mmCIF file of all heavy atoms, coordinates in Angstrom:
data_MODEL
# 
_entry.id   MODEL 
# 
loop_
_atom_site.group_PDB 
_atom_site.id 
_atom_site.type_symbol 
_atom_site.label_atom_id 
_atom_site.label_alt_id 
_atom_site.label_comp_id 
_atom_site.label_asym_id 
_atom_site.label_entity_id 
_atom_site.label_seq_id 
_atom_site.pdbx_PDB_ins_code 
_atom_site.Cartn_x 
_atom_site.Cartn_y 
_atom_site.Cartn_z 
_atom_site.occupancy 
_atom_site.B_iso_or_equiv 
_atom_site.pdbx_formal_charge 
_atom_site.auth_seq_id 
_atom_site.auth_comp_id 
_atom_site.auth_asym_id 
_atom_site.auth_atom_id 
_atom_site.pdbx_PDB_model_num 
ATOM 1   N N   . PHE A 1 1  ? 126.592 -7.970  59.467 1.00 0.00 ? 1  PHE A N   1 
ATOM 2   C CA  . PHE A 1 1  ? 126.576 -8.506  60.828 1.00 0.00 ? 1  PHE A CA  1 
ATOM 3   C C   . PHE A 1 1  ? 127.261 -9.872  60.889 1.00 0.00 ? 1  PHE A C   1 
ATOM 4   O O   . PHE A 1 1  ? 128.112 -10.118 61.755 1.00 0.00 ? 1  PHE A O   1 
ATOM 5   C CB  . PHE A 1 1  ? 125.134 -8.602  61.312 1.00 0.00 ? 1  PHE A CB  1 
ATOM 6   C CG  . PHE A 1 1  ? 124.944 -9.282  62.632 1.00 0.00 ? 1  PHE A CG  1 
ATOM 7   C CD1 . PHE A 1 1  ? 125.426 -8.705  63.803 1.00 0.00 ? 1  PHE A CD1 1 
ATOM 8   C CD2 . PHE A 1 1  ? 124.275 -10.488 62.723 1.00 0.00 ? 1  PHE A CD2 1 
ATOM 9   C CE1 . PHE A 1 1  ? 125.255 -9.324  65.030 1.00 0.00 ? 1  PHE A CE1 1 
ATOM 10  C CE2 . PHE A 1 1  ? 124.089 -11.114 63.945 1.00 0.00 ? 1  PHE A CE2 1 
ATOM 11  C CZ  . PHE A 1 1  ? 124.586 -10.534 65.105 1.00 0.00 ? 1  PHE A CZ  1 
ATOM 12  N N   . GLU A 1 2  ? 126.901 -10.751 59.973 1.00 0.00 ? 2  GLU A N   1 
ATOM 13  C CA  . GLU A 1 2  ? 127.503 -12.080 59.970 1.00 0.00 ? 2  GLU A CA  1 
ATOM 14  C C   . GLU A 1 2  ? 129.002 -12.003 59.683 1.00 0.00 ? 2  GLU A C   1 
ATOM 15  O O   . GLU A 1 2  ? 129.799 -12.739 60.287 1.00 0.00 ? 2  GLU A O   1 
ATOM 16  C CB  . GLU A 1 2  ? 126.808 -12.974 58.947 1.00 0.00 ? 2  GLU A CB  1 
ATOM 17  C CG  . GLU A 1 2  ? 125.378 -13.320 59.345 1.00 0.00 ? 2  GLU A CG  1 
ATOM 18  C CD  . GLU A 1 2  ? 124.747 -14.354 58.430 1.00 0.00 ? 2  GLU A CD  1 
ATOM 19  O OE1 . GLU A 1 2  ? 125.483 -14.987 57.634 1.00 0.00 ? 2  GLU A OE1 1 
ATOM 20  O OE2 . GLU A 1 2  ? 123.525 -14.551 58.522 1.00 0.00 ? 2  GLU A OE2 1 
ATOM 21  N N   . GLY A 1 3  ? 129.391 -11.108 58.784 1.00 0.00 ? 3  GLY A N   1 
ATOM 22  C CA  . GLY A 1 3  ? 130.813 -10.937 58.497 1.00 0.00 ? 3  GLY A CA  1 
ATOM 23  C C   . GLY A 1 3  ? 131.583 -10.458 59.708 1.00 0.00 ? 3  GLY A C   1 
ATOM 24  O O   . GLY A 1 3  ? 132.717 -10.894 59.966 1.00 0.00 ? 3  GLY A O   1 
ATOM 25  N N   . LEU A 1 4  ? 130.980 -9.560  60.473 1.00 0.00 ? 4  LEU A N   1 
ATOM 26  C CA  . LEU A 1 4  ? 131.624 -9.059  61.686 1.00 0.00 ? 4  LEU A CA  1 
ATOM 27  C C   . LEU A 1 4  ? 131.821 -10.193 62.698 1.00 0.00 ? 4  LEU A C   1 
ATOM 28  O O   . LEU A 1 4  ? 132.907 -10.347 63.280 1.00 0.00 ? 4  LEU A O   1 
ATOM 29  C CB  . LEU A 1 4  ? 130.771 -7.952  62.291 1.00 0.00 ? 4  LEU A CB  1 
ATOM 30  C CG  . LEU A 1 4  ? 131.324 -7.182  63.496 1.00 0.00 ? 4  LEU A CG  1 
ATOM 31  C CD1 . LEU A 1 4  ? 130.669 -5.811  63.580 1.00 0.00 ? 4  LEU A CD1 1 
ATOM 32  C CD2 . LEU A 1 4  ? 131.108 -7.920  64.810 1.00 0.00 ? 4  LEU A CD2 1 
ATOM 33  N N   . LEU A 1 5  ? 130.781 -11.016 62.911 1.00 0.00 ? 5  LEU A N   1 
ATOM 34  C CA  . LEU A 1 5  ? 130.905 -12.121 63.857 1.00 0.00 ? 5  LEU A CA  1 
ATOM 35  C C   . LEU A 1 5  ? 131.970 -13.116 63.410 1.00 0.00 ? 5  LEU A C   1 
ATOM 36  O O   . LEU A 1 5  ? 132.762 -13.601 64.240 1.00 0.00 ? 5  LEU A O   1 
ATOM 37  C CB  . LEU A 1 5  ? 129.559 -12.835 64.020 1.00 0.00 ? 5  LEU A CB  1 
ATOM 38  C CG  . LEU A 1 5  ? 128.442 -12.080 64.726 1.00 0.00 ? 5  LEU A CG  1 
ATOM 39  C CD1 . LEU A 1 5  ? 127.214 -12.979 64.860 1.00 0.00 ? 5  LEU A CD1 1 
ATOM 40  C CD2 . LEU A 1 5  ? 128.874 -11.597 66.101 1.00 0.00 ? 5  LEU A CD2 1 
ATOM 41  N N   . ARG A 1 6  ? 131.986 -13.436 62.117 1.00 0.00 ? 6  ARG A N   1 
ATOM 42  C CA  . ARG A 1 6  ? 132.994 -14.375 61.609 1.00 0.00 ? 6  ARG A CA  1 
ATOM 43  C C   . ARG A 1 6  ? 134.402 -13.843 61.846 1.00 0.00 ? 6  ARG A C   1 
ATOM 44  O O   . ARG A 1 6  ? 135.292 -14.576 62.301 1.00 0.00 ? 6  ARG A O   1 
ATOM 45  C CB  . ARG A 1 6  ? 132.783 -14.638 60.117 1.00 0.00 ? 6  ARG A CB  1 
ATOM 46  C CG  . ARG A 1 6  ? 131.699 -15.638 59.799 1.00 0.00 ? 6  ARG A CG  1 
ATOM 47  C CD  . ARG A 1 6  ? 131.768 -16.076 58.349 1.00 0.00 ? 6  ARG A CD  1 
ATOM 48  N NE  . ARG A 1 6  ? 131.512 -14.970 57.436 1.00 0.00 ? 6  ARG A NE  1 
ATOM 49  C CZ  . ARG A 1 6  ? 130.311 -14.637 56.981 1.00 0.00 ? 6  ARG A CZ  1 
ATOM 50  N NH1 . ARG A 1 6  ? 129.249 -15.334 57.362 1.00 0.00 ? 6  ARG A NH1 1 
ATOM 51  N NH2 . ARG A 1 6  ? 130.165 -13.631 56.161 1.00 0.00 ? 6  ARG A NH2 1 
ATOM 52  N N   . ALA A 1 7  ? 134.610 -12.573 61.513 1.00 0.00 ? 7  ALA A N   1 
ATOM 53  C CA  . ALA A 1 7  ? 135.943 -11.985 61.649 1.00 0.00 ? 7  ALA A CA  1 
ATOM 54  C C   . ALA A 1 7  ? 136.371 -11.902 63.107 1.00 0.00 ? 7  ALA A C   1 
ATOM 55  O O   . ALA A 1 7  ? 137.531 -12.174 63.445 1.00 0.00 ? 7  ALA A O   1 
ATOM 56  C CB  . ALA A 1 7  ? 135.966 -10.607 60.999 1.00 0.00 ? 7  ALA A CB  1 
ATOM 57  N N   . ALA A 1 8  ? 135.451 -11.534 63.987 1.00 0.00 ? 8  ALA A N   1 
ATOM 58  C CA  . ALA A 1 8  ? 135.787 -11.451 65.405 1.00 0.00 ? 8  ALA A CA  1 
ATOM 59  C C   . ALA A 1 8  ? 136.137 -12.828 65.951 1.00 0.00 ? 8  ALA A C   1 
ATOM 60  O O   . ALA A 1 8  ? 137.144 -12.993 66.662 1.00 0.00 ? 8  ALA A O   1 
ATOM 61  C CB  . ALA A 1 8  ? 134.624 -10.846 66.184 1.00 0.00 ? 8  ALA A CB  1 
ATOM 62  N N   . ALA A 1 9  ? 135.318 -13.822 65.619 1.00 0.00 ? 9  ALA A N   1 
ATOM 63  C CA  . ALA A 1 9  ? 135.584 -15.176 66.098 1.00 0.00 ? 9  ALA A CA  1 
ATOM 64  C C   . ALA A 1 9  ? 136.922 -15.689 65.579 1.00 0.00 ? 9  ALA A C   1 
ATOM 65  O O   . ALA A 1 9  ? 137.691 -16.320 66.323 1.00 0.00 ? 9  ALA A O   1 
ATOM 66  C CB  . ALA A 1 9  ? 134.452 -16.110 65.675 1.00 0.00 ? 9  ALA A CB  1 
ATOM 67  N N   . GLU A 1 10 ? 137.219 -15.437 64.334 1.00 0.00 ? 10 GLU A N   1 
ATOM 68  C CA  . GLU A 1 10 ? 138.501 -15.867 63.757 1.00 0.00 ? 10 GLU A CA  1 
ATOM 69  C C   . GLU A 1 10 ? 139.656 -15.151 64.438 1.00 0.00 ? 10 GLU A C   1 
ATOM 70  O O   . GLU A 1 10 ? 140.732 -15.748 64.663 1.00 0.00 ? 10 GLU A O   1 
ATOM 71  C CB  . GLU A 1 10 ? 138.508 -15.596 62.253 1.00 0.00 ? 10 GLU A CB  1 
ATOM 72  C CG  . GLU A 1 10 ? 139.783 -16.022 61.543 1.00 0.00 ? 10 GLU A CG  1 
ATOM 73  C CD  . GLU A 1 10 ? 140.019 -17.527 61.538 1.00 0.00 ? 10 GLU A CD  1 
ATOM 74  O OE1 . GLU A 1 10 ? 139.101 -18.287 61.914 1.00 0.00 ? 10 GLU A OE1 1 
ATOM 75  O OE2 . GLU A 1 10 ? 141.139 -17.932 61.172 1.00 0.00 ? 10 GLU A OE2 1 
ATOM 76  N N   . SER A 1 11 ? 139.473 -13.892 64.788 1.00 0.00 ? 11 SER A N   1 
ATOM 77  C CA  . SER A 1 11 ? 140.508 -13.155 65.513 1.00 0.00 ? 11 SER A CA  1 
ATOM 78  C C   . SER A 1 11 ? 140.834 -13.837 66.840 1.00 0.00 ? 11 SER A C   1 
ATOM 79  O O   . SER A 1 11 ? 142.003 -13.933 67.235 1.00 0.00 ? 11 SER A O   1 
ATOM 80  C CB  . SER A 1 11 ? 140.051 -11.717 65.776 1.00 0.00 ? 11 SER A CB  1 
ATOM 81  O OG  . SER A 1 11 ? 139.892 -10.992 64.580 1.00 0.00 ? 11 SER A OG  1 
ATOM 82  N N   . PHE A 1 12 ? 139.813 -14.301 67.525 1.00 0.00 ? 12 PHE A N   1 
ATOM 83  C CA  . PHE A 1 12 ? 140.043 -14.988 68.790 1.00 0.00 ? 12 PHE A CA  1 
ATOM 84  C C   . PHE A 1 12 ? 140.691 -16.358 68.578 1.00 0.00 ? 12 PHE A C   1 
ATOM 85  O O   . PHE A 1 12 ? 141.564 -16.767 69.343 1.00 0.00 ? 12 PHE A O   1 
ATOM 86  C CB  . PHE A 1 12 ? 138.732 -15.125 69.564 1.00 0.00 ? 12 PHE A CB  1 
ATOM 87  C CG  . PHE A 1 12 ? 138.190 -13.816 70.062 1.00 0.00 ? 12 PHE A CG  1 
ATOM 88  C CD1 . PHE A 1 12 ? 136.919 -13.386 69.717 1.00 0.00 ? 12 PHE A CD1 1 
ATOM 89  C CD2 . PHE A 1 12 ? 138.965 -12.998 70.875 1.00 0.00 ? 12 PHE A CD2 1 
ATOM 90  C CE1 . PHE A 1 12 ? 136.421 -12.171 70.169 1.00 0.00 ? 12 PHE A CE1 1 
ATOM 91  C CE2 . PHE A 1 12 ? 138.479 -11.777 71.340 1.00 0.00 ? 12 PHE A CE2 1 
ATOM 92  C CZ  . PHE A 1 12 ? 137.203 -11.368 70.981 1.00 0.00 ? 12 PHE A CZ  1 
ATOM 93  N N   . ARG A 1 13 ? 140.279 -17.065 67.530 1.00 0.00 ? 13 ARG A N   1 
ATOM 94  C CA  . ARG A 1 13 ? 140.841 -18.401 67.284 1.00 0.00 ? 13 ARG A CA  1 
ATOM 95  C C   . ARG A 1 13 ? 142.346 -18.339 67.062 1.00 0.00 ? 13 ARG A C   1 
ATOM 96  O O   . ARG A 1 13 ? 143.097 -19.146 67.639 1.00 0.00 ? 13 ARG A O   1 
ATOM 97  C CB  . ARG A 1 13 ? 140.164 -19.045 66.069 1.00 0.00 ? 13 ARG A CB  1 
ATOM 98  C CG  . ARG A 1 13 ? 140.635 -20.483 65.816 1.00 0.00 ? 13 ARG A CG  1 
ATOM 99  C CD  . ARG A 1 13 ? 140.158 -21.011 64.477 1.00 0.00 ? 13 ARG A CD  1 
ATOM 100 N NE  . ARG A 1 13 ? 140.839 -20.333 63.376 1.00 0.00 ? 13 ARG A NE  1 
ATOM 101 C CZ  . ARG A 1 13 ? 142.060 -20.653 62.929 1.00 0.00 ? 13 ARG A CZ  1 
ATOM 102 N NH1 . ARG A 1 13 ? 142.751 -21.627 63.506 1.00 0.00 ? 13 ARG A NH1 1 
ATOM 103 N NH2 . ARG A 1 13 ? 142.587 -20.001 61.910 1.00 0.00 ? 13 ARG A NH2 1 
ATOM 104 N N   . VAL A 1 14 ? 142.799 -17.388 66.253 1.00 0.00 ? 14 VAL A N   1 
ATOM 105 C CA  . VAL A 1 14 ? 144.232 -17.346 65.940 1.00 0.00 ? 14 VAL A CA  1 
ATOM 106 C C   . VAL A 1 14 ? 145.068 -16.916 67.143 1.00 0.00 ? 14 VAL A C   1 
ATOM 107 O O   . VAL A 1 14 ? 146.284 -17.112 67.166 1.00 0.00 ? 14 VAL A O   1 
ATOM 108 C CB  . VAL A 1 14 ? 144.523 -16.436 64.726 1.00 0.00 ? 14 VAL A CB  1 
ATOM 109 C CG1 . VAL A 1 14 ? 143.783 -16.940 63.493 1.00 0.00 ? 14 VAL A CG1 1 
ATOM 110 C CG2 . VAL A 1 14 ? 144.180 -14.971 65.013 1.00 0.00 ? 14 VAL A CG2 1 
ATOM 111 N N   . GLN A 1 15 ? 144.429 -16.331 68.158 1.00 0.00 ? 15 GLN A N   1 
ATOM 112 C CA  . GLN A 1 15 ? 145.145 -15.961 69.376 1.00 0.00 ? 15 GLN A CA  1 
ATOM 113 C C   . GLN A 1 15 ? 145.250 -17.107 70.377 1.00 0.00 ? 15 GLN A C   1 
ATOM 114 O O   . GLN A 1 15 ? 145.930 -16.980 71.392 1.00 0.00 ? 15 GLN A O   1 
ATOM 115 C CB  . GLN A 1 15 ? 144.448 -14.774 70.053 1.00 0.00 ? 15 GLN A CB  1 
ATOM 116 C CG  . GLN A 1 15 ? 144.489 -13.489 69.252 1.00 0.00 ? 15 GLN A CG  1 
ATOM 117 C CD  . GLN A 1 15 ? 143.681 -12.380 69.903 1.00 0.00 ? 15 GLN A CD  1 
ATOM 118 O OE1 . GLN A 1 15 ? 143.831 -12.125 71.091 1.00 0.00 ? 15 GLN A OE1 1 
ATOM 119 N NE2 . GLN A 1 15 ? 142.830 -11.728 69.134 1.00 0.00 ? 15 GLN A NE2 1 
ATOM 120 N N   . GLY A 1 16 ? 144.541 -18.201 70.102 1.00 0.00 ? 16 GLY A N   1 
ATOM 121 C CA  . GLY A 1 16 ? 144.617 -19.357 70.988 1.00 0.00 ? 16 GLY A CA  1 
ATOM 122 C C   . GLY A 1 16 ? 143.350 -19.691 71.737 1.00 0.00 ? 16 GLY A C   1 
ATOM 123 O O   . GLY A 1 16 ? 143.300 -20.676 72.470 1.00 0.00 ? 16 GLY A O   1 
ATOM 124 N N   . PHE A 1 17 ? 142.300 -18.888 71.574 1.00 0.00 ? 17 PHE A N   1 
ATOM 125 C CA  . PHE A 1 17 ? 141.025 -19.233 72.189 1.00 0.00 ? 17 PHE A CA  1 
ATOM 126 C C   . PHE A 1 17 ? 140.413 -20.413 71.433 1.00 0.00 ? 17 PHE A C   1 
ATOM 127 O O   . PHE A 1 17 ? 140.346 -20.403 70.206 1.00 0.00 ? 17 PHE A O   1 
ATOM 128 C CB  . PHE A 1 17 ? 140.074 -18.040 72.165 1.00 0.00 ? 17 PHE A CB  1 
ATOM 129 C CG  . PHE A 1 17 ? 140.498 -16.918 73.071 1.00 0.00 ? 17 PHE A CG  1 
ATOM 130 C CD1 . PHE A 1 17 ? 141.263 -15.860 72.582 1.00 0.00 ? 17 PHE A CD1 1 
ATOM 131 C CD2 . PHE A 1 17 ? 140.153 -16.923 74.415 1.00 0.00 ? 17 PHE A CD2 1 
ATOM 132 C CE1 . PHE A 1 17 ? 141.667 -14.828 73.415 1.00 0.00 ? 17 PHE A CE1 1 
ATOM 133 C CE2 . PHE A 1 17 ? 140.551 -15.891 75.260 1.00 0.00 ? 17 PHE A CE2 1 
ATOM 134 C CZ  . PHE A 1 17 ? 141.312 -14.844 74.767 1.00 0.00 ? 17 PHE A CZ  1 
ATOM 135 N N   . THR A 1 18 ? 139.980 -21.409 72.174 1.00 0.00 ? 18 THR A N   1 
ATOM 136 C CA  . THR A 1 18 ? 139.445 -22.616 71.533 1.00 0.00 ? 18 THR A CA  1 
ATOM 137 C C   . THR A 1 18 ? 137.928 -22.713 71.611 1.00 0.00 ? 18 THR A C   1 
ATOM 138 O O   . THR A 1 18 ? 137.334 -23.532 70.916 1.00 0.00 ? 18 THR A O   1 
ATOM 139 C CB  . THR A 1 18 ? 140.060 -23.872 72.173 1.00 0.00 ? 18 THR A CB  1 
ATOM 140 O OG1 . THR A 1 18 ? 139.813 -23.857 73.589 1.00 0.00 ? 18 THR A OG1 1 
ATOM 141 C CG2 . THR A 1 18 ? 141.565 -23.917 71.922 1.00 0.00 ? 18 THR A CG2 1 
ATOM 142 N N   . THR A 1 19 ? 137.295 -21.894 72.466 1.00 0.00 ? 19 THR A N   1 
ATOM 143 C CA  . THR A 1 19 ? 135.839 -21.863 72.539 1.00 0.00 ? 19 THR A CA  1 
ATOM 144 C C   . THR A 1 19 ? 135.375 -20.415 72.450 1.00 0.00 ? 19 THR A C   1 
ATOM 145 O O   . THR A 1 19 ? 135.708 -19.600 73.318 1.00 0.00 ? 19 THR A O   1 
ATOM 146 C CB  . THR A 1 19 ? 135.318 -22.482 73.850 1.00 0.00 ? 19 THR A CB  1 
ATOM 147 O OG1 . THR A 1 19 ? 135.785 -23.826 73.963 1.00 0.00 ? 19 THR A OG1 1 
ATOM 148 C CG2 . THR A 1 19 ? 133.794 -22.485 73.865 1.00 0.00 ? 19 THR A CG2 1 
ATOM 149 N N   . VAL A 1 20 ? 134.626 -20.104 71.409 1.00 0.00 ? 20 VAL A N   1 
ATOM 150 C CA  . VAL A 1 20 ? 134.052 -18.776 71.226 1.00 0.00 ? 20 VAL A CA  1 
ATOM 151 C C   . VAL A 1 20 ? 132.554 -18.905 71.454 1.00 0.00 ? 20 VAL A C   1 
ATOM 152 O O   . VAL A 1 20 ? 131.862 -19.619 70.726 1.00 0.00 ? 20 VAL A O   1 
ATOM 153 C CB  . VAL A 1 20 ? 134.337 -18.218 69.817 1.00 0.00 ? 20 VAL A CB  1 
ATOM 154 C CG1 . VAL A 1 20 ? 133.699 -16.840 69.649 1.00 0.00 ? 20 VAL A CG1 1 
ATOM 155 C CG2 . VAL A 1 20 ? 135.840 -18.145 69.561 1.00 0.00 ? 20 VAL A CG2 1 
ATOM 156 N N   . VAL A 1 21 ? 132.063 -18.233 72.466 1.00 0.00 ? 21 VAL A N   1 
ATOM 157 C CA  . VAL A 1 21 ? 130.653 -18.331 72.855 1.00 0.00 ? 21 VAL A CA  1 
ATOM 158 C C   . VAL A 1 21 ? 129.890 -17.130 72.305 1.00 0.00 ? 21 VAL A C   1 
ATOM 159 O O   . VAL A 1 21 ? 130.315 -15.981 72.479 1.00 0.00 ? 21 VAL A O   1 
ATOM 160 C CB  . VAL A 1 21 ? 130.505 -18.375 74.389 1.00 0.00 ? 21 VAL A CB  1 
ATOM 161 C CG1 . VAL A 1 21 ? 129.031 -18.463 74.783 1.00 0.00 ? 21 VAL A CG1 1 
ATOM 162 C CG2 . VAL A 1 21 ? 131.292 -19.556 74.966 1.00 0.00 ? 21 VAL A CG2 1 
ATOM 163 N N   . LEU A 1 22 ? 128.764 -17.393 71.657 1.00 0.00 ? 22 LEU A N   1 
ATOM 164 C CA  . LEU A 1 22 ? 127.904 -16.329 71.144 1.00 0.00 ? 22 LEU A CA  1 
ATOM 165 C C   . LEU A 1 22 ? 126.611 -16.289 71.963 1.00 0.00 ? 22 LEU A C   1 
ATOM 166 O O   . LEU A 1 22 ? 125.888 -17.288 72.039 1.00 0.00 ? 22 LEU A O   1 
ATOM 167 C CB  . LEU A 1 22 ? 127.552 -16.562 69.675 1.00 0.00 ? 22 LEU A CB  1 
ATOM 168 C CG  . LEU A 1 22 ? 128.698 -16.582 68.667 1.00 0.00 ? 22 LEU A CG  1 
ATOM 169 C CD1 . LEU A 1 22 ? 128.148 -16.854 67.262 1.00 0.00 ? 22 LEU A CD1 1 
ATOM 170 C CD2 . LEU A 1 22 ? 129.476 -15.275 68.680 1.00 0.00 ? 22 LEU A CD2 1 
ATOM 171 N N   . ILE A 1 23 ? 126.334 -15.135 72.584 1.00 0.00 ? 23 ILE A N   1 
ATOM 172 C CA  . ILE A 1 23 ? 125.044 -14.931 73.231 1.00 0.00 ? 23 ILE A CA  1 
ATOM 173 C C   . ILE A 1 23 ? 124.456 -13.624 72.705 1.00 0.00 ? 23 ILE A C   1 
ATOM 174 O O   . ILE A 1 23 ? 125.165 -12.642 72.528 1.00 0.00 ? 23 ILE A O   1 
ATOM 175 C CB  . ILE A 1 23 ? 125.142 -14.897 74.771 1.00 0.00 ? 23 ILE A CB  1 
ATOM 176 C CG1 . ILE A 1 23 ? 126.088 -13.787 75.252 1.00 0.00 ? 23 ILE A CG1 1 
ATOM 177 C CG2 . ILE A 1 23 ? 125.571 -16.245 75.321 1.00 0.00 ? 23 ILE A CG2 1 
ATOM 178 C CD1 . ILE A 1 23 ? 126.066 -13.585 76.760 1.00 0.00 ? 23 ILE A CD1 1 
ATOM 179 N N   . GLY A 1 24 ? 123.170 -13.626 72.437 1.00 0.00 ? 24 GLY A N   1 
ATOM 180 C CA  . GLY A 1 24 ? 122.518 -12.446 71.878 1.00 0.00 ? 24 GLY A CA  1 
ATOM 181 C C   . GLY A 1 24 ? 121.295 -12.044 72.678 1.00 0.00 ? 24 GLY A C   1 
ATOM 182 O O   . GLY A 1 24 ? 120.486 -12.894 73.070 1.00 0.00 ? 24 GLY A O   1 
ATOM 183 N N   . ASP A 1 25 ? 121.133 -10.744 72.909 1.00 0.00 ? 25 ASP A N   1 
ATOM 184 C CA  . ASP A 1 25 ? 120.065 -10.218 73.763 1.00 0.00 ? 25 ASP A CA  1 
ATOM 185 C C   . ASP A 1 25 ? 118.797 -9.860  72.992 1.00 0.00 ? 25 ASP A C   1 
ATOM 186 O O   . ASP A 1 25 ? 117.825 -9.413  73.588 1.00 0.00 ? 25 ASP A O   1 
ATOM 187 C CB  . ASP A 1 25 ? 120.591 -8.976  74.508 1.00 0.00 ? 25 ASP A CB  1 
ATOM 188 C CG  . ASP A 1 25 ? 119.837 -8.711  75.808 1.00 0.00 ? 25 ASP A CG  1 
ATOM 189 O OD1 . ASP A 1 25 ? 119.893 -9.577  76.698 1.00 0.00 ? 25 ASP A OD1 1 
ATOM 190 O OD2 . ASP A 1 25 ? 119.198 -7.642  75.920 1.00 0.00 ? 25 ASP A OD2 1 
ATOM 191 N N   . HIS A 1 26 ? 118.807 -10.057 71.682 1.00 0.00 ? 26 HIS A N   1 
ATOM 192 C CA  . HIS A 1 26 ? 117.707 -9.599  70.817 1.00 0.00 ? 26 HIS A CA  1 
ATOM 193 C C   . HIS A 1 26 ? 117.332 -10.731 69.860 1.00 0.00 ? 26 HIS A C   1 
ATOM 194 O O   . HIS A 1 26 ? 118.201 -11.490 69.414 1.00 0.00 ? 26 HIS A O   1 
ATOM 195 C CB  . HIS A 1 26 ? 118.189 -8.366  70.057 1.00 0.00 ? 26 HIS A CB  1 
ATOM 196 C CG  . HIS A 1 26 ? 117.259 -7.857  69.000 1.00 0.00 ? 26 HIS A CG  1 
ATOM 197 N ND1 . HIS A 1 26 ? 115.927 -7.623  69.223 1.00 0.00 ? 26 HIS A ND1 1 
ATOM 198 C CD2 . HIS A 1 26 ? 117.482 -7.501  67.705 1.00 0.00 ? 26 HIS A CD2 1 
ATOM 199 C CE1 . HIS A 1 26 ? 115.365 -7.154  68.104 1.00 0.00 ? 26 HIS A CE1 1 
ATOM 200 N NE2 . HIS A 1 26 ? 116.286 -7.082  67.189 1.00 0.00 ? 26 HIS A NE2 1 
# 
């Protein structure tokens, strides 16, 4: 799970997103 979040966030960073927001329902 943590690896998935890290990889997804890094994917967004390299595209130019500067703020990655994490919200969780559980």
